[in-house]
């Protein structure tokens, strides 16, 4: 189900996310979460369009509970943006692609529509 997005785990989180040179948006999700599946295509589209500016990865909270607990993820989908090893933005809940992009303003250069 993860499609084209890279999957990270408790074991790979420090290396893949915290040590990244560019901002990383982590999609905290679970297989049983309907809204998580709803936003997956939007996240894949954003990754395809803005992959040079921000990396988007998925972390399954059922398989990787330690990282979710460490960052206080209580409801999903939760999207955390990490920069320089710190959480710099948190987006909670399913949103349309345009709203997610608005939330990512400052991390990505929004391309004009059309």
Protein backbone atom coordinates (compact mmCIF):
# COMPACT_ATOMS: atom_id res chain seq x y z
CA UNK A 1 0.00 0.00 0.00
CA UNK A 2 2.93 2.33 0.58
CA UNK A 3 3.15 2.89 -3.19
CA UNK A 4 6.22 4.87 -4.19
CA UNK A 5 6.93 6.36 -0.78
CA UNK A 6 9.86 5.05 1.23
CA UNK A 7 8.98 3.20 4.42
CA UNK A 8 10.97 3.97 7.57
CA UNK A 9 11.07 1.96 10.79
CA UNK A 10 12.02 2.48 14.42
CA UNK A 11 15.45 1.10 13.47
CA UNK A 12 16.02 3.33 10.43
CA UNK A 13 14.33 6.53 11.71
CA UNK A 14 17.46 8.29 12.99
CA UNK A 15 19.38 7.65 9.77
CA UNK A 16 16.53 8.19 7.28
CA UNK A 17 14.79 11.12 8.97
CA UNK A 18 16.78 12.84 11.69
CA UNK A 19 20.09 12.79 9.77
CA UNK A 20 18.57 13.91 6.46
CA UNK A 21 20.06 17.00 4.84
CA UNK A 22 16.65 18.14 3.59
CA UNK A 23 13.29 18.37 5.38
CA UNK A 24 11.48 15.05 5.78
CA UNK A 25 7.71 14.70 6.11
CA UNK A 26 6.86 11.53 8.03
CA UNK A 27 3.39 10.09 7.49
CA UNK A 28 2.46 8.22 10.68
CA UNK A 29 -0.18 5.74 9.49
CA UNK A 30 -1.68 2.28 9.97
CA UNK A 31 -3.18 -0.31 7.64
CA UNK A 32 -6.62 -0.04 9.30
CA UNK A 33 -6.79 3.78 9.06
CA UNK A 34 -9.20 4.94 6.34
CA UNK A 35 -8.13 8.61 6.35
CA UNK A 36 -4.49 7.45 6.06
CA UNK A 37 -5.33 5.61 2.85
CA UNK A 38 -7.28 8.67 1.71
CA UNK A 39 -4.27 11.01 1.84
CA UNK A 40 -1.72 8.51 0.47
CA UNK A 41 -2.25 9.52 -3.21
CA UNK A 42 -1.84 13.21 -2.30
CA UNK A 43 1.40 12.49 -0.46
CA UNK A 44 2.70 10.45 -3.40
CA UNK A 45 1.83 13.31 -5.78
CA UNK A 46 3.59 15.84 -3.52
CA UNK A 47 6.63 13.54 -3.30
CA UNK A 48 6.72 13.29 -7.11
CA UNK A 49 6.42 17.06 -7.59
CA UNK A 50 8.55 18.32 -4.70
CA UNK A 51 10.94 15.46 -4.06
CA UNK A 52 13.95 17.69 -4.69
CA UNK A 53 12.90 19.95 -1.78
CA UNK A 54 11.34 17.58 0.75
CA UNK A 55 11.41 13.82 1.29
CA UNK A 56 8.17 12.08 2.19
CA UNK A 57 8.29 8.77 4.04
CA UNK A 58 5.78 6.51 5.80
CA UNK A 59 6.00 4.97 9.26
CA UNK A 60 3.50 2.26 10.20
CA UNK A 61 2.68 2.91 13.87
CA UNK A 62 1.53 -0.67 14.50
CA UNK A 63 4.88 -2.08 13.35
CA UNK A 64 6.95 0.78 14.81
CA UNK A 65 5.33 1.90 18.07
CA UNK A 66 8.52 3.28 19.65
CA UNK A 67 8.95 6.19 17.25
CA UNK A 68 5.24 7.07 17.34
CA UNK A 69 5.35 7.06 21.16
CA UNK A 70 8.57 9.11 21.26
CA UNK A 71 6.93 11.88 19.22
CA UNK A 72 3.57 11.71 20.99
CA UNK A 73 1.56 10.60 17.97
CA UNK A 74 -1.92 10.03 19.40
CA UNK A 75 -4.10 10.14 16.31
CA UNK A 76 -3.47 9.28 12.70
CA UNK A 77 -2.85 10.38 10.11
CA UNK A 78 -0.24 12.64 11.68
CA UNK A 79 2.31 14.25 9.39
CA UNK A 80 5.45 15.56 11.09
CA UNK A 81 8.04 17.60 9.24
CA UNK A 82 11.55 17.09 10.58
CA UNK A 83 14.39 19.46 9.84
CA UNK A 84 17.81 19.29 11.46
CA UNK A 85 16.65 16.39 13.63
CA UNK A 86 13.71 18.33 15.12
CA UNK A 87 9.96 18.40 14.53
CA UNK A 88 9.32 21.77 12.90
CA UNK A 89 5.70 21.24 11.77
CA UNK A 90 2.85 18.88 12.69
CA UNK A 91 -0.23 18.32 10.54
CA UNK A 92 -2.97 16.15 12.05
CA UNK A 93 -5.85 14.64 10.11
CA UNK A 94 -6.67 13.96 6.48
CA UNK A 95 -6.55 17.01 4.25
CA UNK A 96 -6.71 17.53 0.50
CA UNK A 97 -3.43 17.91 -1.38
CA UNK A 98 -3.81 21.71 -1.69
CA UNK A 99 -4.23 22.08 2.08
CA UNK A 100 -1.20 19.88 2.77
CA UNK A 101 0.84 21.98 0.35
CA UNK A 102 -0.29 25.17 2.11
CA UNK A 103 0.88 23.63 5.39
CA UNK A 104 4.24 22.85 3.75
CA UNK A 105 4.75 26.44 2.57
CA UNK A 106 8.24 27.42 3.62
CA UNK A 107 9.52 23.88 3.12
CA UNK A 108 8.57 23.65 -0.55
CA UNK A 109 8.23 26.27 -3.26
CA UNK A 110 4.58 26.02 -4.28
CA UNK A 111 4.32 25.69 -8.03
CA UNK A 112 1.61 27.74 -9.74
CA UNK A 113 -1.37 25.72 -10.92
CA UNK A 114 -2.04 25.73 -14.62
